[in-house]
């Protein structure tokens, strides 16, 4: 999947670590790419962690009731918290 950064004049192709899961639809791939960019660019996670978090979100949406280890669930909850911008 390709992601675009408005501050750059180049497009980058992103493939998750380990490749795409065969169960992912095109919609899942687009959402996963968007989540990756969000976690990396807005939340400041490394490429590897952003990729893992994006996959976790998609898998939880696809497989209702899926639960990760308590520590992993905590990390995911923290990563999905809204970004609070400083007031001017």
PDB file of N, CA and C in Angstrom:
ATOM      1  N   UNK A   1       0.849  -1.167   0.000  1.00  0.00           N
ATOM      2  CA  UNK A   1       0.000   0.000   0.000  1.00  0.00           C
ATOM      3  C   UNK A   1       0.902   1.240   0.000  1.00  0.00           C
ATOM      4  N   UNK A   2       0.400   2.283  -0.564  1.00  0.00           N
ATOM      5  CA  UNK A   2       1.165   3.521  -0.671  1.00  0.00           C
ATOM      6  C   UNK A   2       0.616   4.523   0.337  1.00  0.00           C
ATOM      7  N   UNK A   3       1.527   5.211   0.999  1.00  0.00           N
ATOM      8  CA  UNK A   3       1.079   6.287   1.885  1.00  0.00           C
ATOM      9  C   UNK A   3       1.773   7.578   1.496  1.00  0.00           C
ATOM     10  N   UNK A   4       1.095   8.677   1.741  1.00  0.00           N
ATOM     11  CA  UNK A   4       1.547   9.989   1.319  1.00  0.00           C
ATOM     12  C   UNK A   4       1.717  10.887   2.517  1.00  0.00           C
ATOM     13  N   UNK A   5       2.765  11.659   2.502  1.00  0.00           N
ATOM     14  CA  UNK A   5       3.041  12.634   3.546  1.00  0.00           C
ATOM     15  C   UNK A   5       2.938  14.017   2.904  1.00  0.00           C
ATOM     16  N   UNK A   6       2.062  14.887   3.409  1.00  0.00           N
ATOM     17  CA  UNK A   6       1.879  16.202   2.777  1.00  0.00           C
ATOM     18  C   UNK A   6       3.128  17.086   2.828  1.00  0.00           C
ATOM     19  N   UNK A   7       4.078  16.740   3.681  1.00  0.00           N
ATOM     20  CA  UNK A   7       5.302  17.531   3.783  1.00  0.00           C
ATOM     21  C   UNK A   7       6.390  17.035   2.831  1.00  0.00           C
ATOM     22  N   UNK A   8       6.077  16.024   2.046  1.00  0.00           N
ATOM     23  CA  UNK A   8       7.050  15.437   1.135  1.00  0.00           C
ATOM     24  C   UNK A   8       6.467  15.392  -0.268  1.00  0.00           C
ATOM     25  N   UNK A   9       7.349  15.395  -1.266  1.00  0.00           N
ATOM     26  CA  UNK A   9       6.869  15.310  -2.642  1.00  0.00           C
ATOM     27  C   UNK A   9       7.057  13.908  -3.223  1.00  0.00           C
ATOM     28  N   UNK A  10       7.273  12.925  -2.352  1.00  0.00           N
ATOM     29  CA  UNK A  10       7.420  11.547  -2.810  1.00  0.00           C
ATOM     30  C   UNK A  10       6.396  10.648  -2.126  1.00  0.00           C
ATOM     31  N   UNK A  11       6.016   9.600  -2.813  1.00  0.00           N
ATOM     32  CA  UNK A  11       5.133   8.587  -2.256  1.00  0.00           C
ATOM     33  C   UNK A  11       5.976   7.404  -1.813  1.00  0.00           C
ATOM     34  N   UNK A  12       5.585   6.780  -0.719  1.00  0.00           N
ATOM     35  CA  UNK A  12       6.310   5.639  -0.210  1.00  0.00           C
ATOM     36  C   UNK A  12       5.401   4.428  -0.183  1.00  0.00           C
ATOM     37  N   UNK A  13       5.954   3.291  -0.563  1.00  0.00           N
ATOM     38  CA  UNK A  13       5.178   2.062  -0.470  1.00  0.00           C
ATOM     39  C   UNK A  13       5.515   1.401   0.855  1.00  0.00           C
ATOM     40  N   UNK A  14       4.484   1.001   1.569  1.00  0.00           N
ATOM     41  CA  UNK A  14       4.672   0.351   2.854  1.00  0.00           C
ATOM     42  C   UNK A  14       4.110  -1.054   2.791  1.00  0.00           C
ATOM     43  N   UNK A  15       4.909  -2.003   3.226  1.00  0.00           N
ATOM     44  CA  UNK A  15       4.477  -3.379   3.378  1.00  0.00           C
ATOM     45  C   UNK A  15       4.752  -3.754   4.820  1.00  0.00           C
ATOM     46  N   UNK A  16       3.775  -4.314   5.505  1.00  0.00           N
ATOM     47  CA  UNK A  16       3.985  -4.666   6.908  1.00  0.00           C
ATOM     48  C   UNK A  16       5.134  -5.657   7.081  1.00  0.00           C
ATOM     49  N   UNK A  17       5.718  -5.610   8.243  1.00  0.00           N
ATOM     50  CA  UNK A  17       6.762  -6.568   8.586  1.00  0.00           C
ATOM     51  C   UNK A  17       6.144  -7.960   8.465  1.00  0.00           C
ATOM     52  N   UNK A  18       6.747  -8.822   7.702  1.00  0.00           N
ATOM     53  CA  UNK A  18       6.211 -10.162   7.498  1.00  0.00           C
ATOM     54  C   UNK A  18       5.238 -10.255   6.338  1.00  0.00           C
ATOM     55  N   UNK A  19       4.943  -9.140   5.689  1.00  0.00           N
ATOM     56  CA  UNK A  19       4.031  -9.143   4.548  1.00  0.00           C
ATOM     57  C   UNK A  19       2.574  -9.004   4.958  1.00  0.00           C
ATOM     58  N   UNK A  20       1.710  -8.984   3.966  1.00  0.00           N
ATOM     59  CA  UNK A  20       0.274  -8.838   4.208  1.00  0.00           C
ATOM     60  C   UNK A  20      -0.330 -10.174   4.610  1.00  0.00           C
ATOM     61  N   UNK A  21      -1.250 -10.146   5.541  1.00  0.00           N
ATOM     62  CA  UNK A  21      -1.981 -11.331   5.941  1.00  0.00           C
ATOM     63  C   UNK A  21      -2.987 -11.649   4.844  1.00  0.00           C
ATOM     64  N   UNK A  22      -3.080 -12.906   4.452  1.00  0.00           N
ATOM     65  CA  UNK A  22      -3.973 -13.302   3.358  1.00  0.00           C
ATOM     66  C   UNK A  22      -5.445 -13.074   3.683  1.00  0.00           C
ATOM     67  N   UNK A  23      -5.777 -12.978   4.961  1.00  0.00           N
ATOM     68  CA  UNK A  23      -7.175 -12.750   5.369  1.00  0.00           C
ATOM     69  C   UNK A  23      -7.587 -11.289   5.205  1.00  0.00           C
ATOM     70  N   UNK A  24      -6.650 -10.396   4.943  1.00  0.00           N
ATOM     71  CA  UNK A  24      -6.950  -8.976   4.828  1.00  0.00           C
ATOM     72  C   UNK A  24      -7.541  -8.659   3.458  1.00  0.00           C
ATOM     73  N   UNK A  25      -8.670  -7.972   3.482  1.00  0.00           N
ATOM     74  CA  UNK A  25      -9.276  -7.477   2.242  1.00  0.00           C
ATOM     75  C   UNK A  25      -8.534  -6.198   1.829  1.00  0.00           C
ATOM     76  N   UNK A  26      -8.872  -5.668   0.660  1.00  0.00           N
ATOM     77  CA  UNK A  26      -8.269  -4.397   0.239  1.00  0.00           C
ATOM     78  C   UNK A  26      -8.623  -3.288   1.224  1.00  0.00           C
ATOM     79  N   UNK A  27      -9.858  -3.310   1.728  1.00  0.00           N
ATOM     80  CA  UNK A  27     -10.288  -2.317   2.724  1.00  0.00           C
ATOM     81  C   UNK A  27      -9.438  -2.433   3.988  1.00  0.00           C
ATOM     82  N   UNK A  28      -9.180  -3.663   4.435  1.00  0.00           N
ATOM     83  CA  UNK A  28      -8.330  -3.881   5.617  1.00  0.00           C
ATOM     84  C   UNK A  28      -6.923  -3.342   5.378  1.00  0.00           C
ATOM     85  N   UNK A  29      -6.404  -3.572   4.180  1.00  0.00           N
ATOM     86  CA  UNK A  29      -5.048  -3.107   3.854  1.00  0.00           C
ATOM     87  C   UNK A  29      -4.972  -1.584   3.877  1.00  0.00           C
ATOM     88  N   UNK A  30      -5.988  -0.934   3.338  1.00  0.00           N
ATOM     89  CA  UNK A  30      -6.024   0.537   3.340  1.00  0.00           C
ATOM     90  C   UNK A  30      -6.097   1.051   4.771  1.00  0.00           C
ATOM     91  N   UNK A  31      -6.974   0.442   5.577  1.00  0.00           N
ATOM     92  CA  UNK A  31      -7.099   0.861   6.971  1.00  0.00           C
ATOM     93  C   UNK A  31      -5.809   0.588   7.742  1.00  0.00           C
ATOM     94  N   UNK A  32      -5.193  -0.545   7.493  1.00  0.00           N
ATOM     95  CA  UNK A  32      -3.944  -0.898   8.177  1.00  0.00           C
ATOM     96  C   UNK A  32      -2.844   0.115   7.832  1.00  0.00           C
ATOM     97  N   UNK A  33      -2.786   0.505   6.566  1.00  0.00           N
ATOM     98  CA  UNK A  33      -1.795   1.495   6.143  1.00  0.00           C
ATOM     99  C   UNK A  33      -2.053   2.833   6.830  1.00  0.00           C
ATOM    100  N   UNK A  34      -3.310   3.239   6.899  1.00  0.00           N
ATOM    101  CA  UNK A  34      -3.656   4.495   7.570  1.00  0.00           C
ATOM    102  C   UNK A  34      -3.289   4.442   9.053  1.00  0.00           C
ATOM    103  N   UNK A  35      -3.576   3.311   9.678  1.00  0.00           N
ATOM    104  CA  UNK A  35      -3.221   3.149  11.096  1.00  0.00           C
ATOM    105  C   UNK A  35      -1.713   3.190  11.294  1.00  0.00           C
ATOM    106  N   UNK A  36      -0.976   2.541  10.396  1.00  0.00           N
ATOM    107  CA  UNK A  36       0.483   2.563  10.475  1.00  0.00           C
ATOM    108  C   UNK A  36       0.999   4.005  10.441  1.00  0.00           C
ATOM    109  N   UNK A  37       0.512   4.781   9.488  1.00  0.00           N
ATOM    110  CA  UNK A  37       0.939   6.179   9.359  1.00  0.00           C
ATOM    111  C   UNK A  37       0.556   6.964  10.617  1.00  0.00           C
ATOM    112  N   UNK A  38      -0.642   6.740  11.128  1.00  0.00           N
ATOM    113  CA  UNK A  38      -1.083   7.415  12.348  1.00  0.00           C
ATOM    114  C   UNK A  38      -0.152   7.094  13.519  1.00  0.00           C
ATOM    115  N   UNK A  39       0.093   5.809  13.749  1.00  0.00           N
ATOM    116  CA  UNK A  39       0.940   5.417  14.877  1.00  0.00           C
ATOM    117  C   UNK A  39       2.371   5.930  14.710  1.00  0.00           C
ATOM    118  N   UNK A  40       2.872   5.929  13.491  1.00  0.00           N
ATOM    119  CA  UNK A  40       4.253   6.372  13.241  1.00  0.00           C
ATOM    120  C   UNK A  40       4.386   7.889  13.274  1.00  0.00           C
ATOM    121  N   UNK A  41       3.550   8.564  12.493  1.00  0.00           N
ATOM    122  CA  UNK A  41       3.702  10.008  12.331  1.00  0.00           C
ATOM    123  C   UNK A  41       3.088  10.819  13.474  1.00  0.00           C
ATOM    124  N   UNK A  42       1.927  10.425  13.936  1.00  0.00           N
ATOM    125  CA  UNK A  42       1.233  11.210  14.960  1.00  0.00           C
ATOM    126  C   UNK A  42       1.570  10.779  16.383  1.00  0.00           C
ATOM    127  N   UNK A  43       1.801   9.496  16.569  1.00  0.00           N
ATOM    128  CA  UNK A  43       2.066   8.983  17.917  1.00  0.00           C
ATOM    129  C   UNK A  43       3.548   8.759  18.187  1.00  0.00           C
ATOM    130  N   UNK A  44       4.375   8.739  17.145  1.00  0.00           N
ATOM    131  CA  UNK A  44       5.824   8.634  17.323  1.00  0.00           C
ATOM    132  C   UNK A  44       6.373   7.236  17.566  1.00  0.00           C
ATOM    133  N   UNK A  45       5.607   6.201  17.214  1.00  0.00           N
ATOM    134  CA  UNK A  45       6.100   4.834  17.385  1.00  0.00           C
ATOM    135  C   UNK A  45       7.093   4.491  16.281  1.00  0.00           C
ATOM    136  N   UNK A  46       7.955   3.508  16.554  1.00  0.00           N
ATOM    137  CA  UNK A  46       8.896   3.029  15.543  1.00  0.00           C
ATOM    138  C   UNK A  46       8.113   2.319  14.437  1.00  0.00           C
ATOM    139  N   UNK A  47       8.759   2.096  13.309  1.00  0.00           N
ATOM    140  CA  UNK A  47       8.114   1.377  12.206  1.00  0.00           C
ATOM    141  C   UNK A  47       7.590   0.022  12.667  1.00  0.00           C
ATOM    142  N   UNK A  48       8.413  -0.708  13.391  1.00  0.00           N
ATOM    143  CA  UNK A  48       8.040  -2.051  13.825  1.00  0.00           C
ATOM    144  C   UNK A  48       6.821  -2.007  14.756  1.00  0.00           C
ATOM    145  N   UNK A  49       6.842  -1.113  15.732  1.00  0.00           N
ATOM    146  CA  UNK A  49       5.735  -1.039  16.691  1.00  0.00           C
ATOM    147  C   UNK A  49       4.468  -0.528  16.011  1.00  0.00           C
ATOM    148  N   UNK A  50       4.602   0.446  15.121  1.00  0.00           N
ATOM    149  CA  UNK A  50       3.446   0.971  14.393  1.00  0.00           C
ATOM    150  C   UNK A  50       2.807  -0.140  13.552  1.00  0.00           C
ATOM    151  N   UNK A  51       3.620  -0.978  12.940  1.00  0.00           N
ATOM    152  CA  UNK A  51       3.127  -2.093  12.146  1.00  0.00           C
ATOM    153  C   UNK A  51       2.386  -3.103  13.018  1.00  0.00           C
ATOM    154  N   UNK A  52       2.963  -3.440  14.149  1.00  0.00           N
ATOM    155  CA  UNK A  52       2.335  -4.393  15.074  1.00  0.00           C
ATOM    156  C   UNK A  52       1.002  -3.847  15.580  1.00  0.00           C
ATOM    157  N   UNK A  53       0.981  -2.589  15.994  1.00  0.00           N
ATOM    158  CA  UNK A  53      -0.248  -1.978  16.501  1.00  0.00           C
ATOM    159  C   UNK A  53      -1.339  -1.939  15.435  1.00  0.00           C
ATOM    160  N   UNK A  54      -0.970  -1.590  14.210  1.00  0.00           N
ATOM    161  CA  UNK A  54      -1.945  -1.541  13.119  1.00  0.00           C
ATOM    162  C   UNK A  54      -2.561  -2.922  12.895  1.00  0.00           C
ATOM    163  N   UNK A  55      -1.732  -3.949  12.897  1.00  0.00           N
ATOM    164  CA  UNK A  55      -2.236  -5.313  12.736  1.00  0.00           C
ATOM    165  C   UNK A  55      -3.156  -5.706  13.891  1.00  0.00           C
ATOM    166  N   UNK A  56      -2.785  -5.327  15.095  1.00  0.00           N
ATOM    167  CA  UNK A  56      -3.612  -5.666  16.254  1.00  0.00           C
ATOM    168  C   UNK A  56      -5.013  -5.081  16.108  1.00  0.00           C
ATOM    169  N   UNK A  57      -5.093  -3.844  15.669  1.00  0.00           N
ATOM    170  CA  UNK A  57      -6.396  -3.188  15.498  1.00  0.00           C
ATOM    171  C   UNK A  57      -7.231  -3.930  14.457  1.00  0.00           C
ATOM    172  N   UNK A  58      -6.634  -4.235  13.315  1.00  0.00           N
ATOM    173  CA  UNK A  58      -7.368  -4.909  12.242  1.00  0.00           C
ATOM    174  C   UNK A  58      -7.839  -6.292  12.697  1.00  0.00           C
ATOM    175  N   UNK A  59      -6.968  -7.043  13.351  1.00  0.00           N
ATOM    176  CA  UNK A  59      -7.355  -8.376  13.818  1.00  0.00           C
ATOM    177  C   UNK A  59      -8.493  -8.302  14.834  1.00  0.00           C
ATOM    178  N   UNK A  60      -8.461  -7.310  15.728  1.00  0.00           N
ATOM    179  CA  UNK A  60      -9.543  -7.172  16.711  1.00  0.00           C
ATOM    180  C   UNK A  60     -10.866  -6.835  16.015  1.00  0.00           C
ATOM    181  N   UNK A  61     -10.805  -6.086  14.919  1.00  0.00           N
ATOM    182  CA  UNK A  61     -12.023  -5.767  14.177  1.00  0.00           C
ATOM    183  C   UNK A  61     -12.546  -6.987  13.417  1.00  0.00           C
ATOM    184  N   UNK A  62     -11.641  -7.777  12.859  1.00  0.00           N
ATOM    185  CA  UNK A  62     -12.034  -8.941  12.068  1.00  0.00           C
ATOM    186  C   UNK A  62     -12.531 -10.094  12.939  1.00  0.00           C
ATOM    187  N   UNK A  63     -11.908 -10.276  14.082  1.00  0.00           N
ATOM    188  CA  UNK A  63     -12.210 -11.410  14.937  1.00  0.00           C
ATOM    189  C   UNK A  63     -12.745 -10.900  16.278  1.00  0.00           C
ATOM    190  N   UNK A  64     -14.038 -10.649  16.307  1.00  0.00           N
ATOM    191  CA  UNK A  64     -14.696 -10.098  17.490  1.00  0.00           C
ATOM    192  C   UNK A  64     -14.445 -10.996  18.694  1.00  0.00           C
ATOM    193  N   UNK A  65     -14.126 -10.380  19.802  1.00  0.00           N
ATOM    194  CA  UNK A  65     -13.847 -11.131  21.020  1.00  0.00           C
ATOM    195  C   UNK A  65     -12.385 -11.488  21.185  1.00  0.00           C
ATOM    196  N   UNK A  66     -11.565 -11.197  20.173  1.00  0.00           N
ATOM    197  CA  UNK A  66     -10.139 -11.486  20.273  1.00  0.00           C
ATOM    198  C   UNK A  66      -9.532 -10.669  21.404  1.00  0.00           C
ATOM    199  N   UNK A  67      -8.800 -11.311  22.259  1.00  0.00           N
ATOM    200  CA  UNK A  67      -8.128 -10.629  23.370  1.00  0.00           C
ATOM    201  C   UNK A  67      -6.648 -10.978  23.333  1.00  0.00           C
ATOM    202  N   UNK A  68      -5.834  -9.958  23.469  1.00  0.00           N
ATOM    203  CA  UNK A  68      -4.398 -10.154  23.567  1.00  0.00           C
ATOM    204  C   UNK A  68      -4.033 -10.292  25.038  1.00  0.00           C
ATOM    205  N   UNK A  69      -2.768 -10.541  25.303  1.00  0.00           N
ATOM    206  CA  UNK A  69      -2.313 -10.568  26.690  1.00  0.00           C
ATOM    207  C   UNK A  69      -2.624  -9.230  27.340  1.00  0.00           C
ATOM    208  N   UNK A  70      -2.785  -9.222  28.643  1.00  0.00           N
ATOM    209  CA  UNK A  70      -3.153  -8.002  29.370  1.00  0.00           C
ATOM    210  C   UNK A  70      -2.204  -6.844  29.057  1.00  0.00           C
ATOM    211  N   UNK A  71      -0.913  -7.118  29.023  1.00  0.00           N
ATOM    212  CA  UNK A  71       0.085  -6.080  28.735  1.00  0.00           C
ATOM    213  C   UNK A  71      -0.097  -5.541  27.306  1.00  0.00           C
ATOM    214  N   UNK A  72      -0.369  -6.435  26.354  1.00  0.00           N
ATOM    215  CA  UNK A  72      -0.568  -6.015  24.966  1.00  0.00           C
ATOM    216  C   UNK A  72      -1.839  -5.179  24.826  1.00  0.00           C
ATOM    217  N   UNK A  73      -2.894  -5.586  25.502  1.00  0.00           N
ATOM    218  CA  UNK A  73      -4.145  -4.821  25.471  1.00  0.00           C
ATOM    219  C   UNK A  73      -3.915  -3.420  26.031  1.00  0.00           C
ATOM    220  N   UNK A  74      -3.135  -3.328  27.094  1.00  0.00           N
ATOM    221  CA  UNK A  74      -2.831  -2.038  27.711  1.00  0.00           C
ATOM    222  C   UNK A  74      -2.065  -1.134  26.748  1.00  0.00           C
ATOM    223  N   UNK A  75      -1.101  -1.707  26.053  1.00  0.00           N
ATOM    224  CA  UNK A  75      -0.309  -0.942  25.075  1.00  0.00           C
ATOM    225  C   UNK A  75      -1.216  -0.447  23.947  1.00  0.00           C
ATOM    226  N   UNK A  76      -2.119  -1.315  23.486  1.00  0.00           N
ATOM    227  CA  UNK A  76      -3.022  -0.948  22.399  1.00  0.00           C
ATOM    228  C   UNK A  76      -3.984   0.161  22.827  1.00  0.00           C
ATOM    229  N   UNK A  77      -4.524   0.044  24.024  1.00  0.00           N
ATOM    230  CA  UNK A  77      -5.432   1.080  24.539  1.00  0.00           C
ATOM    231  C   UNK A  77      -4.712   2.419  24.606  1.00  0.00           C
ATOM    232  N   UNK A  78      -3.487   2.414  25.112  1.00  0.00           N
ATOM    233  CA  UNK A  78      -2.702   3.647  25.215  1.00  0.00           C
ATOM    234  C   UNK A  78      -2.427   4.231  23.822  1.00  0.00           C
ATOM    235  N   UNK A  79      -2.094   3.373  22.868  1.00  0.00           N
ATOM    236  CA  UNK A  79      -1.779   3.835  21.516  1.00  0.00           C
ATOM    237  C   UNK A  79      -2.992   4.446  20.819  1.00  0.00           C
ATOM    238  N   UNK A  80      -4.183   3.970  21.163  1.00  0.00           N
ATOM    239  CA  UNK A  80      -5.398   4.454  20.511  1.00  0.00           C
ATOM    240  C   UNK A  80      -6.021   5.675  21.183  1.00  0.00           C
ATOM    241  N   UNK A  81      -5.433   6.122  22.280  1.00  0.00           N
ATOM    242  CA  UNK A  81      -5.965   7.307  22.950  1.00  0.00           C
ATOM    243  C   UNK A  81      -5.806   8.524  22.040  1.00  0.00           C
ATOM    244  N   UNK A  82      -6.771   9.440  22.112  1.00  0.00           N
ATOM    245  CA  UNK A  82      -6.696  10.637  21.272  1.00  0.00           C
ATOM    246  C   UNK A  82      -5.440  11.473  21.566  1.00  0.00           C
ATOM    247  N   UNK A  83      -5.051  12.193  20.561  1.00  0.00           N
ATOM    248  CA  UNK A  83      -3.912  13.103  20.697  1.00  0.00           C
ATOM    249  C   UNK A  83      -4.440  14.431  21.212  1.00  0.00           C
ATOM    250  N   UNK A  84      -3.904  14.899  22.314  1.00  0.00           N
ATOM    251  CA  UNK A  84      -4.312  16.178  22.863  1.00  0.00           C
ATOM    252  C   UNK A  84      -3.284  17.229  22.466  1.00  0.00           C
ATOM    253  N   UNK A  85      -3.730  18.180  21.675  1.00  0.00           N
ATOM    254  CA  UNK A  85      -2.852  19.249  21.215  1.00  0.00           C
ATOM    255  C   UNK A  85      -2.766  20.327  22.287  1.00  0.00           C
ATOM    256  N   UNK A  86      -1.591  20.881  22.431  1.00  0.00           N
ATOM    257  CA  UNK A  86      -1.399  21.966  23.396  1.00  0.00           C
ATOM    258  C   UNK A  86      -2.207  23.182  22.958  1.00  0.00           C
ATOM    259  N   UNK A  87      -2.811  23.860  23.927  1.00  0.00           N
ATOM    260  CA  UNK A  87      -3.585  25.051  23.600  1.00  0.00           C
ATOM    261  C   UNK A  87      -2.639  26.218  23.345  1.00  0.00           C
ATOM    262  N   UNK A  88      -3.016  27.029  22.371  1.00  0.00           N
ATOM    263  CA  UNK A  88      -2.173  28.162  21.976  1.00  0.00           C
ATOM    264  C   UNK A  88      -2.302  29.302  22.957  1.00  0.00           C
TER     265      UNK A  88
END
